[in-house]
N, C-alpha and C. Protein backbone atom coordinates (compact mmCIF):
# COMPACT_ATOMS: atom_id res chain seq x y z
N MET A 1 0.84 -1.18 0.00
CA MET A 1 0.00 0.00 0.00
C MET A 1 0.88 1.25 0.00
N LYS A 2 0.60 2.20 -0.88
CA LYS A 2 1.37 3.42 -0.98
C LYS A 2 0.95 4.39 0.11
N ASN A 3 1.93 5.12 0.61
CA ASN A 3 1.61 6.18 1.57
C ASN A 3 1.07 7.38 0.80
N LYS A 4 -0.10 7.80 1.17
CA LYS A 4 -0.68 8.98 0.55
C LYS A 4 -0.27 10.21 1.35
N LYS A 5 0.19 11.21 0.67
CA LYS A 5 0.51 12.46 1.35
C LYS A 5 -0.79 13.22 1.53
N THR A 6 -1.02 13.64 2.74
CA THR A 6 -2.22 14.43 2.99
C THR A 6 -1.90 15.90 2.77
N LYS A 7 -2.78 16.56 2.11
CA LYS A 7 -2.60 17.97 1.83
C LYS A 7 -3.08 18.76 3.05
N ILE A 8 -2.22 19.60 3.56
CA ILE A 8 -2.59 20.43 4.69
C ILE A 8 -3.17 21.72 4.15
N GLU A 9 -4.36 22.02 4.59
CA GLU A 9 -5.04 23.25 4.16
C GLU A 9 -4.41 24.45 4.86
N THR A 10 -4.02 25.43 4.12
CA THR A 10 -3.55 26.68 4.71
C THR A 10 -4.67 27.70 4.58
N PRO A 11 -4.90 28.46 5.64
CA PRO A 11 -5.99 29.43 5.58
C PRO A 11 -5.77 30.48 4.49
N GLN A 12 -6.83 30.91 3.89
CA GLN A 12 -6.77 31.95 2.89
C GLN A 12 -7.08 33.28 3.59
N TYR A 13 -6.04 34.01 3.89
CA TYR A 13 -6.20 35.26 4.62
C TYR A 13 -6.48 36.42 3.68
N LYS A 14 -7.33 37.33 4.16
CA LYS A 14 -7.54 38.60 3.46
C LYS A 14 -6.41 39.55 3.82
N ILE A 15 -6.05 39.55 5.12
CA ILE A 15 -4.99 40.43 5.59
C ILE A 15 -3.66 39.79 5.22
N VAL A 16 -2.99 40.42 4.27
CA VAL A 16 -1.68 39.94 3.80
C VAL A 16 -0.73 41.14 3.74
N ALA A 17 0.53 40.85 3.65
CA ALA A 17 1.53 41.92 3.54
C ALA A 17 1.39 42.60 2.18
N SER A 18 0.68 43.72 2.18
CA SER A 18 0.47 44.48 0.94
C SER A 18 0.11 45.91 1.29
N GLU A 19 0.04 46.76 0.27
CA GLU A 19 -0.35 48.16 0.48
C GLU A 19 -1.77 48.29 1.01
N ASN A 20 -2.62 47.30 0.78
CA ASN A 20 -4.00 47.35 1.26
C ASN A 20 -4.09 47.24 2.77
N PHE A 21 -3.06 46.68 3.39
CA PHE A 21 -3.03 46.50 4.85
C PHE A 21 -1.69 47.04 5.36
N PRO A 22 -1.57 48.37 5.42
CA PRO A 22 -0.27 48.97 5.71
C PRO A 22 0.33 48.59 7.07
N PHE A 23 -0.51 48.47 8.09
CA PHE A 23 0.04 48.11 9.40
C PHE A 23 0.57 46.67 9.36
N PHE A 24 -0.21 45.76 8.80
CA PHE A 24 0.25 44.37 8.70
C PHE A 24 1.46 44.27 7.77
N ASN A 25 1.48 45.06 6.73
CA ASN A 25 2.60 45.06 5.81
C ASN A 25 3.91 45.39 6.55
N ALA A 26 3.83 46.32 7.49
CA ALA A 26 5.01 46.72 8.25
C ALA A 26 5.32 45.74 9.38
N TYR A 27 4.29 45.13 9.94
CA TYR A 27 4.47 44.28 11.13
C TYR A 27 3.77 42.94 10.92
N HIS A 28 4.45 42.01 10.28
CA HIS A 28 3.83 40.71 10.04
C HIS A 28 4.74 39.54 10.43
N ASP A 29 5.50 39.74 11.49
CA ASP A 29 6.41 38.72 11.98
C ASP A 29 5.69 37.83 12.99
N ASP A 30 5.74 36.52 12.78
CA ASP A 30 5.08 35.58 13.69
C ASP A 30 5.63 35.64 15.11
N ALA A 31 6.78 36.26 15.29
CA ALA A 31 7.38 36.36 16.62
C ALA A 31 6.52 37.19 17.58
N TYR A 32 5.74 38.11 17.06
CA TYR A 32 4.90 38.93 17.93
C TYR A 32 3.42 38.90 17.56
N ILE A 33 3.02 38.08 16.62
CA ILE A 33 1.60 37.90 16.31
C ILE A 33 1.07 36.77 17.18
N LEU A 34 0.08 37.09 18.00
CA LEU A 34 -0.50 36.09 18.90
C LEU A 34 -1.57 35.26 18.21
N SER A 35 -2.32 35.87 17.30
CA SER A 35 -3.32 35.13 16.53
C SER A 35 -3.65 35.89 15.25
N HIS A 36 -4.14 35.15 14.26
CA HIS A 36 -4.55 35.73 12.97
C HIS A 36 -5.67 34.83 12.47
N ASP A 37 -6.93 35.27 12.70
CA ASP A 37 -8.07 34.42 12.36
C ASP A 37 -9.36 35.23 12.36
N CYS A 38 -10.48 34.52 12.33
CA CYS A 38 -11.80 35.16 12.28
C CYS A 38 -12.65 34.76 13.49
N ARG A 39 -12.03 34.55 14.61
CA ARG A 39 -12.80 34.11 15.79
C ARG A 39 -13.84 35.15 16.20
N SER A 40 -14.87 34.70 16.84
CA SER A 40 -15.98 35.58 17.19
C SER A 40 -15.71 36.43 18.42
N MET A 41 -14.73 36.06 19.21
CA MET A 41 -14.42 36.80 20.42
C MET A 41 -12.91 36.80 20.62
N VAL A 42 -12.34 37.99 20.79
CA VAL A 42 -10.91 38.11 21.04
C VAL A 42 -10.74 38.75 22.41
N ALA A 43 -9.92 38.13 23.23
CA ALA A 43 -9.67 38.67 24.56
C ALA A 43 -8.17 38.72 24.82
N VAL A 44 -7.74 39.82 25.41
CA VAL A 44 -6.37 39.95 25.88
C VAL A 44 -6.45 40.36 27.35
N SER A 45 -5.55 39.82 28.15
CA SER A 45 -5.60 40.13 29.58
C SER A 45 -4.20 40.17 30.16
N GLU A 46 -4.10 40.88 31.28
CA GLU A 46 -2.83 41.01 31.98
C GLU A 46 -3.11 41.59 33.36
N GLU A 47 -2.52 41.00 34.36
CA GLU A 47 -2.62 41.48 35.73
C GLU A 47 -4.06 41.76 36.17
N GLY A 48 -4.98 40.90 35.80
CA GLY A 48 -6.38 41.04 36.22
C GLY A 48 -7.21 41.99 35.38
N MET A 49 -6.61 42.68 34.42
CA MET A 49 -7.35 43.58 33.52
C MET A 49 -7.60 42.82 32.22
N LYS A 50 -8.77 43.08 31.60
CA LYS A 50 -9.12 42.32 30.41
C LYS A 50 -9.84 43.20 29.40
N TYR A 51 -9.46 43.04 28.12
CA TYR A 51 -10.13 43.72 27.01
C TYR A 51 -10.70 42.64 26.10
N ILE A 52 -11.98 42.79 25.74
CA ILE A 52 -12.65 41.81 24.88
C ILE A 52 -13.22 42.54 23.66
N LEU A 53 -12.89 42.04 22.50
CA LEU A 53 -13.45 42.56 21.25
C LEU A 53 -14.41 41.51 20.72
N ASP A 54 -15.68 41.87 20.68
CA ASP A 54 -16.74 40.98 20.20
C ASP A 54 -16.81 41.10 18.68
N ASN A 55 -16.41 40.06 18.01
CA ASN A 55 -16.30 40.06 16.55
C ASN A 55 -17.48 39.27 15.96
N GLN A 56 -18.70 39.76 16.19
CA GLN A 56 -19.91 39.08 15.75
C GLN A 56 -19.93 38.83 14.25
N SER A 57 -19.36 39.74 13.48
CA SER A 57 -19.38 39.60 12.02
C SER A 57 -18.25 38.72 11.51
N ARG A 58 -17.46 38.19 12.43
CA ARG A 58 -16.37 37.23 12.10
C ARG A 58 -15.39 37.81 11.08
N LYS A 59 -15.03 39.07 11.28
CA LYS A 59 -14.03 39.69 10.42
C LYS A 59 -12.66 39.13 10.77
N GLU A 60 -11.78 39.17 9.82
CA GLU A 60 -10.42 38.69 10.06
C GLU A 60 -9.67 39.72 10.91
N ILE A 61 -8.98 39.23 11.92
CA ILE A 61 -8.23 40.09 12.83
C ILE A 61 -6.88 39.49 13.15
N VAL A 62 -5.94 40.38 13.44
CA VAL A 62 -4.60 39.98 13.85
C VAL A 62 -4.36 40.59 15.23
N VAL A 63 -3.93 39.76 16.18
CA VAL A 63 -3.64 40.23 17.53
C VAL A 63 -2.12 40.24 17.71
N TYR A 64 -1.60 41.38 18.16
CA TYR A 64 -0.18 41.58 18.33
C TYR A 64 0.19 41.72 19.80
N ARG A 65 1.35 41.22 20.15
CA ARG A 65 1.99 41.52 21.42
C ARG A 65 2.88 42.71 21.12
N ILE A 66 2.60 43.86 21.72
CA ILE A 66 3.41 45.05 21.46
C ILE A 66 4.52 45.17 22.49
N ASP A 67 4.15 45.20 23.79
CA ASP A 67 5.16 45.24 24.85
C ASP A 67 5.88 43.89 24.90
N LYS A 68 7.19 43.92 24.78
CA LYS A 68 8.01 42.70 24.70
C LYS A 68 7.69 41.90 23.44
N GLY A 69 7.23 42.59 22.41
CA GLY A 69 6.91 41.97 21.13
C GLY A 69 7.43 42.86 20.01
N ILE A 70 6.52 43.61 19.39
CA ILE A 70 6.94 44.52 18.32
C ILE A 70 7.95 45.54 18.86
N ILE A 71 7.68 46.07 20.06
CA ILE A 71 8.58 47.05 20.67
C ILE A 71 9.21 46.41 21.90
N SER A 72 10.52 46.36 21.90
CA SER A 72 11.22 45.85 23.08
C SER A 72 12.01 47.01 23.69
N GLY A 73 12.71 46.74 24.76
CA GLY A 73 13.50 47.79 25.39
C GLY A 73 12.75 48.49 26.49
N THR A 74 13.33 49.59 26.95
CA THR A 74 12.81 50.25 28.14
C THR A 74 11.75 51.32 27.88
N VAL A 75 11.53 51.66 26.61
CA VAL A 75 10.52 52.68 26.31
C VAL A 75 9.15 52.17 26.78
N GLU A 76 8.37 53.07 27.36
CA GLU A 76 7.01 52.72 27.79
C GLU A 76 6.12 52.59 26.56
N LYS A 77 5.41 51.47 26.45
CA LYS A 77 4.55 51.21 25.30
C LYS A 77 3.32 50.45 25.76
N CYS A 78 2.29 50.40 24.91
CA CYS A 78 1.08 49.69 25.29
C CYS A 78 1.30 48.18 25.18
N ASP A 79 0.34 47.42 25.68
CA ASP A 79 0.50 45.96 25.79
C ASP A 79 0.18 45.21 24.50
N PHE A 80 -0.94 45.53 23.86
CA PHE A 80 -1.42 44.74 22.72
C PHE A 80 -1.92 45.65 21.61
N GLY A 81 -1.99 45.08 20.42
CA GLY A 81 -2.61 45.73 19.28
C GLY A 81 -3.53 44.73 18.60
N ILE A 82 -4.66 45.21 18.09
CA ILE A 82 -5.58 44.37 17.31
C ILE A 82 -5.83 45.10 16.00
N TYR A 83 -5.57 44.41 14.89
CA TYR A 83 -5.70 44.99 13.55
C TYR A 83 -6.75 44.19 12.79
N THR A 84 -7.65 44.89 12.11
CA THR A 84 -8.76 44.22 11.42
C THR A 84 -8.67 44.33 9.91
N GLU A 85 -9.45 43.51 9.23
CA GLU A 85 -9.49 43.51 7.77
C GLU A 85 -10.01 44.83 7.21
N ASN A 86 -10.60 45.67 8.04
CA ASN A 86 -11.09 46.98 7.60
C ASN A 86 -10.06 48.07 7.86
N ASP A 87 -8.80 47.68 8.13
CA ASP A 87 -7.72 48.62 8.39
C ASP A 87 -8.02 49.46 9.64
N ILE A 88 -8.57 48.80 10.65
CA ILE A 88 -8.83 49.43 11.95
C ILE A 88 -7.78 48.88 12.92
N LEU A 89 -7.15 49.79 13.67
CA LEU A 89 -6.15 49.39 14.66
C LEU A 89 -6.60 49.80 16.05
N PHE A 90 -6.60 48.84 16.96
CA PHE A 90 -6.87 49.08 18.37
C PHE A 90 -5.56 48.92 19.12
N LEU A 91 -5.17 49.93 19.89
CA LEU A 91 -4.02 49.84 20.77
C LEU A 91 -4.56 49.68 22.19
N ILE A 92 -4.14 48.63 22.87
CA ILE A 92 -4.72 48.27 24.16
C ILE A 92 -3.66 48.39 25.26
N GLU A 93 -3.98 49.15 26.30
CA GLU A 93 -3.13 49.22 27.49
C GLU A 93 -3.95 48.72 28.68
N LEU A 94 -3.42 47.71 29.35
CA LEU A 94 -4.06 47.13 30.53
C LEU A 94 -3.24 47.57 31.73
N LYS A 95 -3.86 48.34 32.61
CA LYS A 95 -3.11 48.98 33.69
C LYS A 95 -3.70 48.60 35.04
N SER A 96 -2.93 47.84 35.80
CA SER A 96 -3.39 47.36 37.11
C SER A 96 -3.36 48.44 38.20
N PRO A 97 -2.24 49.14 38.39
CA PRO A 97 -2.26 50.16 39.45
C PRO A 97 -3.27 51.25 39.13
N GLU A 98 -4.09 51.61 40.09
CA GLU A 98 -5.18 52.54 39.82
C GLU A 98 -4.74 53.98 39.63
N ARG A 99 -3.59 54.35 40.10
CA ARG A 99 -3.14 55.73 40.02
C ARG A 99 -2.28 56.01 38.79
N GLU A 100 -2.33 55.18 37.78
CA GLU A 100 -1.41 55.34 36.66
C GLU A 100 -2.10 55.62 35.33
N TYR A 101 -3.20 56.32 35.36
CA TYR A 101 -3.90 56.65 34.13
C TYR A 101 -3.02 57.51 33.21
N GLY A 102 -2.33 58.49 33.79
CA GLY A 102 -1.44 59.34 33.00
C GLY A 102 -0.33 58.54 32.33
N LYS A 103 0.20 57.56 33.04
CA LYS A 103 1.24 56.70 32.48
C LYS A 103 0.68 55.89 31.31
N ALA A 104 -0.54 55.38 31.46
CA ALA A 104 -1.18 54.62 30.38
C ALA A 104 -1.36 55.49 29.14
N LEU A 105 -1.76 56.74 29.33
CA LEU A 105 -1.92 57.66 28.21
C LEU A 105 -0.58 57.88 27.50
N GLN A 106 0.48 58.06 28.28
CA GLN A 106 1.80 58.27 27.70
C GLN A 106 2.26 57.03 26.94
N GLN A 107 1.93 55.85 27.43
CA GLN A 107 2.29 54.61 26.73
C GLN A 107 1.60 54.52 25.38
N ILE A 108 0.34 54.96 25.31
CA ILE A 108 -0.39 55.00 24.03
C ILE A 108 0.31 55.96 23.07
N ILE A 109 0.65 57.15 23.55
CA ILE A 109 1.33 58.15 22.71
C ILE A 109 2.65 57.58 22.18
N ASN A 110 3.45 57.00 23.06
CA ASN A 110 4.75 56.43 22.63
C ASN A 110 4.56 55.36 21.57
N THR A 111 3.56 54.52 21.76
CA THR A 111 3.30 53.43 20.80
C THR A 111 2.91 53.99 19.44
N ILE A 112 2.04 54.97 19.42
CA ILE A 112 1.63 55.59 18.15
C ILE A 112 2.84 56.22 17.47
N GLU A 113 3.65 56.93 18.24
CA GLU A 113 4.84 57.58 17.67
C GLU A 113 5.81 56.56 17.07
N ILE A 114 6.06 55.48 17.80
CA ILE A 114 7.04 54.49 17.35
C ILE A 114 6.53 53.65 16.18
N LEU A 115 5.31 53.13 16.30
CA LEU A 115 4.80 52.19 15.30
C LEU A 115 4.18 52.84 14.07
N ILE A 116 3.56 53.99 14.25
CA ILE A 116 2.78 54.57 13.16
C ILE A 116 3.43 55.84 12.61
N LYS A 117 3.63 56.83 13.45
CA LYS A 117 4.13 58.12 12.98
C LYS A 117 5.56 58.05 12.46
N SER A 118 6.46 57.40 13.18
CA SER A 118 7.86 57.39 12.75
C SER A 118 8.07 56.63 11.44
N HIS A 119 7.17 55.71 11.11
CA HIS A 119 7.26 54.94 9.87
C HIS A 119 6.23 55.40 8.84
N ASN A 120 5.47 56.45 9.18
CA ASN A 120 4.45 57.01 8.29
C ASN A 120 3.50 55.94 7.77
N ILE A 121 2.95 55.17 8.71
CA ILE A 121 2.02 54.08 8.36
C ILE A 121 0.59 54.58 8.56
N PRO A 122 -0.18 54.67 7.49
CA PRO A 122 -1.57 55.11 7.65
C PRO A 122 -2.46 53.96 8.11
N VAL A 123 -3.45 54.28 8.92
CA VAL A 123 -4.52 53.33 9.24
C VAL A 123 -5.83 54.09 9.10
N SER A 124 -6.86 53.41 8.62
CA SER A 124 -8.15 54.07 8.39
C SER A 124 -8.78 54.57 9.68
N ASN A 125 -8.61 53.80 10.74
CA ASN A 125 -9.27 54.11 12.00
C ASN A 125 -8.36 53.70 13.14
N LEU A 126 -7.95 54.66 13.96
CA LEU A 126 -7.06 54.41 15.08
C LEU A 126 -7.84 54.53 16.38
N ASN A 127 -7.74 53.50 17.22
CA ASN A 127 -8.46 53.46 18.49
C ASN A 127 -7.50 53.15 19.62
N ALA A 128 -7.63 53.86 20.72
CA ALA A 128 -6.83 53.58 21.91
C ALA A 128 -7.79 53.16 23.02
N ARG A 129 -7.47 52.06 23.66
CA ARG A 129 -8.30 51.53 24.75
C ARG A 129 -7.43 51.33 25.98
N ILE A 130 -7.88 51.89 27.09
CA ILE A 130 -7.18 51.73 28.36
C ILE A 130 -8.13 51.05 29.33
N VAL A 131 -7.71 49.90 29.83
CA VAL A 131 -8.48 49.20 30.85
C VAL A 131 -7.66 49.32 32.13
N ILE A 132 -8.25 49.96 33.11
CA ILE A 132 -7.53 50.29 34.33
C ILE A 132 -8.30 49.77 35.54
N HIS A 133 -7.58 49.47 36.59
CA HIS A 133 -8.21 48.94 37.81
C HIS A 133 -9.28 49.90 38.33
N LYS A 134 -8.92 51.17 38.41
CA LYS A 134 -9.88 52.18 38.87
C LYS A 134 -9.60 53.48 38.12
N TYR A 135 -10.59 53.92 37.38
CA TYR A 135 -10.46 55.18 36.65
C TYR A 135 -10.51 56.33 37.66
N PRO A 136 -9.63 57.33 37.51
CA PRO A 136 -9.61 58.43 38.49
C PRO A 136 -10.92 59.21 38.53
N ASN A 137 -11.33 59.60 39.74
CA ASN A 137 -12.55 60.41 39.90
C ASN A 137 -12.41 61.75 39.20
N THR A 138 -11.25 62.35 39.31
CA THR A 138 -10.97 63.60 38.61
C THR A 138 -9.62 63.46 37.91
N LEU A 139 -9.55 64.00 36.73
CA LEU A 139 -8.31 63.95 35.97
C LEU A 139 -7.42 65.13 36.34
N THR A 140 -6.12 64.87 36.37
CA THR A 140 -5.18 65.96 36.58
C THR A 140 -5.10 66.77 35.29
N ALA A 141 -4.53 67.95 35.38
CA ALA A 141 -4.36 68.78 34.19
C ALA A 141 -3.51 68.05 33.15
N LYS A 142 -2.48 67.34 33.62
CA LYS A 142 -1.61 66.60 32.70
C LYS A 142 -2.39 65.49 32.00
N GLU A 143 -3.24 64.76 32.73
CA GLU A 143 -4.04 63.69 32.12
C GLU A 143 -5.00 64.24 31.07
N ARG A 144 -5.65 65.36 31.38
CA ARG A 144 -6.56 65.99 30.41
C ARG A 144 -5.79 66.42 29.16
N LYS A 145 -4.60 66.97 29.38
CA LYS A 145 -3.77 67.42 28.26
C LYS A 145 -3.35 66.24 27.39
N LEU A 146 -2.97 65.13 28.02
CA LEU A 146 -2.58 63.94 27.27
C LEU A 146 -3.76 63.36 26.49
N GLU A 147 -4.94 63.31 27.11
CA GLU A 147 -6.15 62.83 26.39
C GLU A 147 -6.41 63.69 25.17
N ASN A 148 -6.41 64.99 25.35
CA ASN A 148 -6.67 65.92 24.23
C ASN A 148 -5.61 65.77 23.14
N TYR A 149 -4.37 65.56 23.53
CA TYR A 149 -3.28 65.39 22.58
C TYR A 149 -3.52 64.15 21.71
N ILE A 150 -3.90 63.04 22.33
CA ILE A 150 -4.16 61.79 21.60
C ILE A 150 -5.31 61.98 20.62
N ILE A 151 -6.38 62.58 21.09
CA ILE A 151 -7.58 62.73 20.26
C ILE A 151 -7.33 63.69 19.10
N SER A 152 -6.75 64.85 19.38
CA SER A 152 -6.60 65.87 18.33
C SER A 152 -5.41 65.61 17.41
N ASN A 153 -4.28 65.17 17.92
CA ASN A 153 -3.09 64.99 17.08
C ASN A 153 -3.12 63.72 16.25
N TYR A 154 -3.76 62.68 16.75
CA TYR A 154 -3.76 61.40 16.04
C TYR A 154 -5.13 61.02 15.49
N HIS A 155 -6.14 61.89 15.70
CA HIS A 155 -7.51 61.60 15.26
C HIS A 155 -7.92 60.20 15.76
N CYS A 156 -7.68 60.00 17.03
CA CYS A 156 -7.82 58.69 17.66
C CYS A 156 -9.07 58.66 18.54
N ASP A 157 -9.77 57.55 18.48
CA ASP A 157 -10.91 57.33 19.37
C ASP A 157 -10.34 56.73 20.66
N LEU A 158 -10.39 57.50 21.74
CA LEU A 158 -9.84 57.08 23.03
C LEU A 158 -10.98 56.72 23.96
N GLN A 159 -10.95 55.50 24.49
CA GLN A 159 -11.96 55.06 25.47
C GLN A 159 -11.26 54.31 26.59
N HIS A 160 -11.93 54.25 27.72
CA HIS A 160 -11.37 53.54 28.86
C HIS A 160 -12.45 52.67 29.50
N GLY A 161 -12.00 51.66 30.19
CA GLY A 161 -12.89 50.78 30.92
C GLY A 161 -12.26 50.43 32.26
N THR A 162 -13.07 49.88 33.13
CA THR A 162 -12.61 49.50 34.45
C THR A 162 -12.61 47.97 34.56
N LYS A 163 -11.45 47.42 34.84
CA LYS A 163 -11.19 45.99 35.03
C LYS A 163 -11.44 45.15 33.79
N THR A 164 -12.66 45.18 33.23
CA THR A 164 -12.96 44.47 31.99
C THR A 164 -13.70 45.41 31.06
N MET A 165 -13.23 45.49 29.84
CA MET A 165 -13.88 46.32 28.83
C MET A 165 -14.24 45.45 27.65
N THR A 166 -15.50 45.54 27.22
CA THR A 166 -15.98 44.79 26.07
C THR A 166 -16.58 45.75 25.06
N GLU A 167 -16.25 45.55 23.80
CA GLU A 167 -16.90 46.35 22.76
C GLU A 167 -17.09 45.47 21.52
N VAL A 168 -18.05 45.88 20.71
CA VAL A 168 -18.38 45.14 19.49
C VAL A 168 -17.62 45.77 18.33
N LEU A 169 -16.96 44.94 17.55
CA LEU A 169 -16.25 45.42 16.36
C LEU A 169 -17.29 45.89 15.34
N PRO A 170 -17.13 47.14 14.86
CA PRO A 170 -18.12 47.65 13.88
C PRO A 170 -18.02 46.91 12.55
């Protein structure tokens, strides 16, 4: 009896290294990609904080490890990135200490500067998400300034959640 070679099916991805997907084109190394698929629910967590992206429409998404992944070294950066087939990028910072909202904002800014601005990588829709143990009752002047900077300079949708944040992918 002859041994039959079985053909292994490789997924047919929409998101490929091309001009149509500029972020993926720049960052498509398996060393820092945690997943690349069409799952209905994507969750990233760290130190008791959790971000969940509800992908009801089963769009193709790529999940990145940014801290100790795409960006290494001592620079402060966000934890994860989620990139979709619609050229939408979510930058996720999960922050356990409750008094570090300003630090989380600065990490988002650093990540945008390093990954997007310094390499002139366009994305159709940029989103920053901060999940923090406890959102401050009142923002300091510096925190307000950093929020405004992110929103106005990067045309970024900035949102925050407490402990667990869930949102539906548009």
